[in-house]
PDB file of N, CA and C in Angstrom:
ATOM      1  N   MET A   1     -93.171  -4.582-114.953  1.00  0.00           N
ATOM      2  CA  MET A   1     -91.918  -5.277-115.038  1.00  0.00           C
ATOM      3  C   MET A   1     -91.560  -5.617-113.418  1.00  0.00           C
ATOM      4  N   TYR A   2     -91.829  -5.121-112.551  1.00  0.00           N
ATOM      5  CA  TYR A   2     -91.332  -5.275-111.204  1.00  0.00           C
ATOM      6  C   TYR A   2     -92.155  -6.605-110.434  1.00  0.00           C
ATOM      7  N   TRP A   3     -93.422  -6.933-111.159  1.00  0.00           N
ATOM      8  CA  TRP A   3     -94.557  -7.810-110.606  1.00  0.00           C
ATOM      9  C   TRP A   3     -93.761  -9.404-110.906  1.00  0.00           C
ATOM     10  N   PRO A   4     -93.005  -9.579-112.027  1.00  0.00           N
ATOM     11  CA  PRO A   4     -92.547 -11.002-111.872  1.00  0.00           C
ATOM     12  C   PRO A   4     -91.163 -10.970-110.878  1.00  0.00           C
ATOM     13  N   LEU A   5     -90.481 -10.000-110.599  1.00  0.00           N
ATOM     14  CA  LEU A   5     -89.230  -9.820-109.656  1.00  0.00           C
ATOM     15  C   LEU A   5     -90.040  -9.931-108.236  1.00  0.00           C
ATOM     16  N   LEU A   6     -91.276  -9.319-107.943  1.00  0.00           N
ATOM     17  CA  LEU A   6     -91.619  -9.327-106.668  1.00  0.00           C
ATOM     18  C   LEU A   6     -92.317 -10.886-106.350  1.00  0.00           C
ATOM     19  N   ALA A   7     -92.872 -11.713-107.562  1.00  0.00           N
ATOM     20  CA  ALA A   7     -93.400 -12.931-107.428  1.00  0.00           C
ATOM     21  C   ALA A   7     -92.120 -13.839-107.033  1.00  0.00           C
ATOM     22  N   GLU A   8     -91.154 -13.728-107.736  1.00  0.00           N
ATOM     23  CA  GLU A   8     -89.973 -14.612-107.712  1.00  0.00           C
ATOM     24  C   GLU A   8     -89.104 -14.456-106.497  1.00  0.00           C
ATOM     25  N   THR A   9     -89.032 -13.252-106.137  1.00  0.00           N
ATOM     26  CA  THR A   9     -88.518 -13.093-104.630  1.00  0.00           C
ATOM     27  C   THR A   9     -89.317 -13.675-103.532  1.00  0.00           C
ATOM     28  N   LEU A  10     -90.573 -13.438-103.797  1.00  0.00           N
ATOM     29  CA  LEU A  10     -91.453 -13.991-102.496  1.00  0.00           C
ATOM     30  C   LEU A  10     -91.600 -15.692-102.580  1.00  0.00           C
ATOM     31  N   GLN A  11     -91.599 -16.124-103.803  1.00  0.00           N
ATOM     32  CA  GLN A  11     -91.721 -17.441-103.826  1.00  0.00           C
ATOM     33  C   GLN A  11     -90.065 -18.104-103.238  1.00  0.00           C
ATOM     34  N   ARG A  12     -89.209 -17.350-103.289  1.00  0.00           N
ATOM     35  CA  ARG A  12     -87.901 -17.880-102.578  1.00  0.00           C
ATOM     36  C   ARG A  12     -87.844 -17.598-101.376  1.00  0.00           C
ATOM     37  N   ASP A  13     -89.187 -16.864-100.738  1.00  0.00           N
ATOM     38  CA  ASP A  13     -89.505 -16.388 -99.200  1.00  0.00           C
ATOM     39  C   ASP A  13     -88.406 -15.319 -98.901  1.00  0.00           C
ATOM     40  N   ASP A  14     -88.019 -14.415 -99.773  1.00  0.00           N
ATOM     41  CA  ASP A  14     -87.017 -13.447 -99.634  1.00  0.00           C
ATOM     42  C   ASP A  14     -88.080 -12.285 -99.311  1.00  0.00           C
ATOM     43  N   ILE A  15     -88.781 -12.217 -98.273  1.00  0.00           N
ATOM     44  CA  ILE A  15     -89.643 -11.062 -97.926  1.00  0.00           C
ATOM     45  C   ILE A  15     -89.190  -9.603 -97.903  1.00  0.00           C
ATOM     46  N   ALA A  16     -87.999  -9.477 -97.534  1.00  0.00           N
ATOM     47  CA  ALA A  16     -87.376  -8.203 -97.388  1.00  0.00           C
ATOM     48  C   ALA A  16     -87.360  -7.623 -99.149  1.00  0.00           C
ATOM     49  N   THR A  17     -86.731  -8.303-100.106  1.00  0.00           N
ATOM     50  CA  THR A  17     -86.573  -8.076-101.258  1.00  0.00           C
ATOM     51  C   THR A  17     -87.915  -7.751-101.954  1.00  0.00           C
ATOM     52  N   ALA A  18     -88.877  -8.710-101.616  1.00  0.00           N
ATOM     53  CA  ALA A  18     -90.363  -8.487-102.018  1.00  0.00           C
ATOM     54  C   ALA A  18     -90.986  -7.076-101.761  1.00  0.00           C
ATOM     55  N   VAL A  19     -90.495  -6.727-100.412  1.00  0.00           N
ATOM     56  CA  VAL A  19     -91.109  -5.434 -99.779  1.00  0.00           C
ATOM     57  C   VAL A  19     -90.480  -4.217-100.541  1.00  0.00           C
ATOM     58  N   ASP A  20     -89.033  -4.356-100.979  1.00  0.00           N
ATOM     59  CA  ASP A  20     -88.513  -3.589-101.772  1.00  0.00           C
ATOM     60  C   ASP A  20     -88.999  -3.257-103.010  1.00  0.00           C
ATOM     61  N   TYR A  21     -89.604  -4.460-103.845  1.00  0.00           N
ATOM     62  CA  TYR A  21     -90.250  -4.237-105.027  1.00  0.00           C
ATOM     63  C   TYR A  21     -91.695  -3.589-104.702  1.00  0.00           C
ATOM     64  N   ALA A  22     -92.160  -4.038-103.820  1.00  0.00           N
ATOM     65  CA  ALA A  22     -93.578  -3.211-103.574  1.00  0.00           C
ATOM     66  C   ALA A  22     -93.378  -2.053-103.415  1.00  0.00           C
ATOM     67  N   HIS A  23     -92.433  -1.697-102.638  1.00  0.00           N
ATOM     68  CA  HIS A  23     -92.225  -0.145-102.625  1.00  0.00           C
ATOM     69  C   HIS A  23     -91.866   0.523-103.779  1.00  0.00           C
ATOM     70  N   THR A  24     -91.329   0.032-104.637  1.00  0.00           N
ATOM     71  CA  THR A  24     -91.306   0.427-106.160  1.00  0.00           C
ATOM     72  C   THR A  24     -92.237   0.365-106.940  1.00  0.00           C
ATOM     73  N   LEU A  25     -93.224  -0.562-106.617  1.00  0.00           N
ATOM     74  CA  LEU A  25     -94.607  -0.411-107.483  1.00  0.00           C
ATOM     75  C   LEU A  25     -95.214   0.509-107.046  1.00  0.00           C
ATOM     76  N   LEU A  26     -95.123   1.075-105.648  1.00  0.00           N
ATOM     77  CA  LEU A  26     -95.945   2.066-105.157  1.00  0.00           C
ATOM     78  C   LEU A  26     -95.551   3.368-105.291  1.00  0.00           C
ATOM     79  N   ASP A  27     -94.492   3.696-105.988  1.00  0.00           N
ATOM     80  CA  ASP A  27     -93.717   4.759-105.927  1.00  0.00           C
ATOM     81  C   ASP A  27     -94.796   5.652-106.994  1.00  0.00           C
ATOM     82  N   PRO A  28     -94.712   6.915-106.374  1.00  0.00           N
ATOM     83  CA  PRO A  28     -95.646   7.944-107.208  1.00  0.00           C
ATOM     84  C   PRO A  28     -95.210   8.369-108.767  1.00  0.00           C
ATOM     85  N   HIS A  29     -93.957   7.967-108.966  1.00  0.00           N
ATOM     86  CA  HIS A  29     -93.230   8.116-110.159  1.00  0.00           C
ATOM     87  C   HIS A  29     -93.727   6.944-111.285  1.00  0.00           C
ATOM     88  N   GLN A  30     -94.151   5.803-110.551  1.00  0.00           N
ATOM     89  CA  GLN A  30     -94.450   4.656-111.340  1.00  0.00           C
ATOM     90  C   GLN A  30     -95.981   5.101-111.823  1.00  0.00           C
ATOM     91  N   GLN A  31     -96.265   4.109-112.774  1.00  0.00           N
ATOM     92  CA  GLN A  31     -97.831   4.151-113.104  1.00  0.00           C
ATOM     93  C   GLN A  31     -98.816   3.720-112.202  1.00  0.00           C
ATOM     94  N   ARG A  32     -99.721   4.572-111.838  1.00  0.00           N
ATOM     95  CA  ARG A  32    -100.703   4.397-110.855  1.00  0.00           C
ATOM     96  C   ARG A  32    -101.200   2.691-110.823  1.00  0.00           C
ATOM     97  N   LEU A  33    -101.317   2.168-109.927  1.00  0.00           N
ATOM     98  CA  LEU A  33    -102.071   0.744-109.988  1.00  0.00           C
ATOM     99  C   LEU A  33    -103.488   0.862-109.719  1.00  0.00           C
ATOM    100  N   PRO A  34    -104.027  -0.099-109.981  1.00  0.00           N
ATOM    101  CA  PRO A  34    -105.350   0.079-109.690  1.00  0.00           C
ATOM    102  C   PRO A  34    -105.690  -0.297-108.139  1.00  0.00           C
ATOM    103  N   ASP A  35    -106.863   0.218-107.598  1.00  0.00           N
ATOM    104  CA  ASP A  35    -106.724   0.034-106.181  1.00  0.00           C
ATOM    105  C   ASP A  35    -106.716  -1.079-105.483  1.00  0.00           C
ATOM    106  N   ALA A  36    -107.512  -1.958-106.359  1.00  0.00           N
ATOM    107  CA  ALA A  36    -107.389  -3.588-105.890  1.00  0.00           C
ATOM    108  C   ALA A  36    -105.867  -4.158-105.734  1.00  0.00           C
ATOM    109  N   LEU A  37    -104.982  -3.476-106.242  1.00  0.00           N
ATOM    110  CA  LEU A  37    -103.684  -4.108-106.230  1.00  0.00           C
ATOM    111  C   LEU A  37    -102.657  -3.230-105.376  1.00  0.00           C
ATOM    112  N   ALA A  38    -103.113  -1.755-105.293  1.00  0.00           N
ATOM    113  CA  ALA A  38    -102.357  -0.890-104.550  1.00  0.00           C
ATOM    114  C   ALA A  38    -102.710  -1.255-102.773  1.00  0.00           C
ATOM    115  N   ALA A  39    -103.937  -1.814-102.790  1.00  0.00           N
ATOM    116  CA  ALA A  39    -104.353  -1.804-101.210  1.00  0.00           C
ATOM    117  C   ALA A  39    -103.343  -2.847-100.641  1.00  0.00           C
ATOM    118  N   PRO A  40    -103.453  -4.230-101.392  1.00  0.00           N
ATOM    119  CA  PRO A  40    -102.551  -5.297-100.420  1.00  0.00           C
ATOM    120  C   PRO A  40    -101.035  -5.024-100.236  1.00  0.00           C
ATOM    121  N   LEU A  41    -100.588  -4.182-101.400  1.00  0.00           N
ATOM    122  CA  LEU A  41     -99.216  -3.625-101.437  1.00  0.00           C
ATOM    123  C   LEU A  41     -98.969  -2.692-100.185  1.00  0.00           C
ATOM    124  N   THR A  42    -100.018  -2.010-100.201  1.00  0.00           N
ATOM    125  CA  THR A  42     -99.913  -1.044 -99.137  1.00  0.00           C
ATOM    126  C   THR A  42    -100.001  -1.725 -97.557  1.00  0.00           C
ATOM    127  N   GLN A  43    -101.088  -2.486 -97.600  1.00  0.00           N
ATOM    128  CA  GLN A  43    -101.172  -3.174 -96.270  1.00  0.00           C
ATOM    129  C   GLN A  43     -99.734  -4.165 -96.028  1.00  0.00           C
ATOM    130  N   ALA A  44     -99.206  -4.634 -96.930  1.00  0.00           N
ATOM    131  CA  ALA A  44     -97.935  -5.626 -96.763  1.00  0.00           C
ATOM    132  C   ALA A  44     -96.966  -4.613 -96.475  1.00  0.00           C
ATOM    133  N   LEU A  45     -96.543  -3.387 -96.703  1.00  0.00           N
ATOM    134  CA  LEU A  45     -95.633  -2.554 -96.259  1.00  0.00           C
ATOM    135  C   LEU A  45     -95.896  -2.159 -94.894  1.00  0.00           C
ATOM    136  N   GLN A  46     -97.194  -2.122 -94.592  1.00  0.00           N
ATOM    137  CA  GLN A  46     -97.731  -1.673 -92.969  1.00  0.00           C
ATOM    138  C   GLN A  46     -97.142  -2.715 -92.181  1.00  0.00           C
ATOM    139  N   ALA A  47     -97.622  -3.684 -92.583  1.00  0.00           N
ATOM    140  CA  ALA A  47     -97.241  -4.944 -91.691  1.00  0.00           C
ATOM    141  C   ALA A  47     -95.796  -4.942 -91.501  1.00  0.00           C
ATOM    142  N   TRP A  48     -95.035  -4.774 -92.608  1.00  0.00           N
ATOM    143  CA  TRP A  48     -93.506  -5.074 -92.758  1.00  0.00           C
ATOM    144  C   TRP A  48     -92.762  -4.046 -91.565  1.00  0.00           C
ATOM    145  N   ASP A  49     -93.416  -2.814 -91.744  1.00  0.00           N
ATOM    146  CA  ASP A  49     -93.005  -1.946 -91.014  1.00  0.00           C
ATOM    147  C   ASP A  49     -93.392  -1.813 -89.684  1.00  0.00           C
ATOM    148  N   GLY A  50     -94.503  -2.407 -89.175  1.00  0.00           N
ATOM    149  CA  GLY A  50     -94.760  -3.063 -87.812  1.00  0.00           C
ATOM    150  C   GLY A  50     -94.231  -4.156 -87.253  1.00  0.00           C
ATOM    151  N   GLY A  51     -93.399  -4.820 -88.141  1.00  0.00           N
ATOM    152  CA  GLY A  51     -92.498  -6.033 -87.914  1.00  0.00           C
ATOM    153  C   GLY A  51     -93.486  -7.186 -87.856  1.00  0.00           C
ATOM    154  N   ALA A  52     -94.628  -7.252 -88.702  1.00  0.00           N
ATOM    155  CA  ALA A  52     -95.455  -8.509 -88.769  1.00  0.00           C
ATOM    156  C   ALA A  52     -94.834  -9.042 -90.140  1.00  0.00           C
ATOM    157  N   THR A  53     -93.918  -9.635 -90.105  1.00  0.00           N
ATOM    158  CA  THR A  53     -93.225 -10.555 -91.511  1.00  0.00           C
ATOM    159  C   THR A  53     -94.303 -11.429 -91.892  1.00  0.00           C
ATOM    160  N   ALA A  54     -95.246 -12.309 -91.234  1.00  0.00           N
ATOM    161  CA  ALA A  54     -96.037 -13.169 -91.611  1.00  0.00           C
ATOM    162  C   ALA A  54     -97.121 -12.310 -92.437  1.00  0.00           C
ATOM    163  N   GLY A  55     -97.417 -11.198 -91.703  1.00  0.00           N
ATOM    164  CA  GLY A  55     -98.697 -10.368 -92.285  1.00  0.00           C
ATOM    165  C   GLY A  55     -98.360  -9.756 -93.727  1.00  0.00           C
ATOM    166  N   ALA A  56     -96.922  -9.344 -93.937  1.00  0.00           N
ATOM    167  CA  ALA A  56     -96.591  -8.654 -94.933  1.00  0.00           C
ATOM    168  C   ALA A  56     -96.536 -10.051 -96.185  1.00  0.00           C
ATOM    169  N   LYS A  57     -96.103 -10.988 -95.661  1.00  0.00           N
ATOM    170  CA  LYS A  57     -95.915 -11.899 -96.748  1.00  0.00           C
ATOM    171  C   LYS A  57     -97.505 -12.445 -97.158  1.00  0.00           C
ATOM    172  N   LYS A  58     -98.255 -12.503 -96.325  1.00  0.00           N
ATOM    173  CA  LYS A  58     -99.614 -13.059 -96.478  1.00  0.00           C
ATOM    174  C   LYS A  58    -100.040 -12.119 -97.634  1.00  0.00           C
ATOM    175  N   ARG A  59    -100.000 -10.654 -97.493  1.00  0.00           N
ATOM    176  CA  ARG A  59    -100.420  -9.552 -98.058  1.00  0.00           C
ATOM    177  C   ARG A  59     -99.901  -9.530 -99.613  1.00  0.00           C
ATOM    178  N   LEU A  60     -98.587  -9.737 -99.473  1.00  0.00           N
ATOM    179  CA  LEU A  60     -97.849  -9.973-100.619  1.00  0.00           C
ATOM    180  C   LEU A  60     -98.289 -10.776-101.913  1.00  0.00           C
ATOM    181  N   HIS A  61     -98.398 -12.157-100.792  1.00  0.00           N
ATOM    182  CA  HIS A  61     -99.107 -13.220-101.804  1.00  0.00           C
ATOM    183  C   HIS A  61    -100.336 -12.852-102.346  1.00  0.00           C
ATOM    184  N   GLU A  62    -101.235 -12.326-101.674  1.00  0.00           N
ATOM    185  CA  GLU A  62    -102.744 -11.502-102.115  1.00  0.00           C
ATOM    186  C   GLU A  62    -102.307 -10.809-103.274  1.00  0.00           C
ATOM    187  N   ALA A  63    -101.523  -9.980-103.175  1.00  0.00           N
ATOM    188  CA  ALA A  63    -101.198  -8.897-104.219  1.00  0.00           C
ATOM    189  C   ALA A  63    -100.553  -9.529-105.609  1.00  0.00           C
ATOM    190  N   VAL A  64     -99.962 -10.766-105.148  1.00  0.00           N
ATOM    191  CA  VAL A  64     -99.348 -11.457-106.488  1.00  0.00           C
ATOM    192  C   VAL A  64    -100.636 -12.267-107.449  1.00  0.00           C
ATOM    193  N   THR A  65    -101.527 -12.950-106.488  1.00  0.00           N
ATOM    194  CA  THR A  65    -102.517 -13.464-107.011  1.00  0.00           C
ATOM    195  C   THR A  65    -103.558 -12.414-107.896  1.00  0.00           C
ATOM    196  N   LEU A  66    -103.768 -11.097-107.078  1.00  0.00           N
ATOM    197  CA  LEU A  66    -104.387 -10.190-107.795  1.00  0.00           C
ATOM    198  C   LEU A  66    -103.797  -9.942-109.408  1.00  0.00           C
ATOM    199  N   ALA A  67    -102.302  -9.615-109.079  1.00  0.00           N
ATOM    200  CA  ALA A  67    -101.839  -9.246-110.194  1.00  0.00           C
ATOM    201  C   ALA A  67    -101.672 -10.259-111.167  1.00  0.00           C
ATOM    202  N   GLU A  68    -102.040 -11.697-111.107  1.00  0.00           N
ATOM    203  CA  GLU A  68    -102.115 -12.484-112.082  1.00  0.00           C
ATOM    204  C   GLU A  68    -103.506 -12.296-112.552  1.00  0.00           C
ATOM    205  N   GLN A  69    -104.418 -12.257-111.844  1.00  0.00           N
ATOM    206  CA  GLN A  69    -105.759 -11.953-112.306  1.00  0.00           C
ATOM    207  C   GLN A  69    -105.914 -10.692-113.363  1.00  0.00           C
ATOM    208  N   PHE A  70    -105.066  -9.580-113.104  1.00  0.00           N
ATOM    209  CA  PHE A  70    -105.129  -8.569-113.762  1.00  0.00           C
ATOM    210  C   PHE A  70    -104.263  -8.257-114.890  1.00  0.00           C
ATOM    211  N   HIS A  71    -103.525  -9.577-115.288  1.00  0.00           N
ATOM    212  CA  HIS A  71    -102.527  -9.874-116.402  1.00  0.00           C
ATOM    213  C   HIS A  71    -101.439  -8.843-115.998  1.00  0.00           C
ATOM    214  N   TYR A  72    -100.962  -8.508-114.910  1.00  0.00           N
ATOM    215  CA  TYR A  72     -99.682  -8.083-114.735  1.00  0.00           C
ATOM    216  C   TYR A  72     -98.544  -9.195-114.627  1.00  0.00           C
ATOM    217  N   LEU A  73     -99.106 -10.347-114.561  1.00  0.00           N
ATOM    218  CA  LEU A  73     -98.034 -11.479-114.380  1.00  0.00           C
ATOM    219  C   LEU A  73     -98.490 -12.524-115.582  1.00  0.00           C
TER     220      LEU A  73
END
């Protein structure tokens, strides 16, 4: 449910909101994602927390691409 929202906000270059959706997707109360999807989201959050907006954006784009391949989008 959150993948389309993450993809849309990322497309609008609203990285802060996309990061919020990434946090939600990784919430322990959500269904666990495959490691291949969780890894770039986790890396995006780490980049964002470290002030590396471009790095976060790159990792979020990678996660969206993988989500498409896994049919989450």
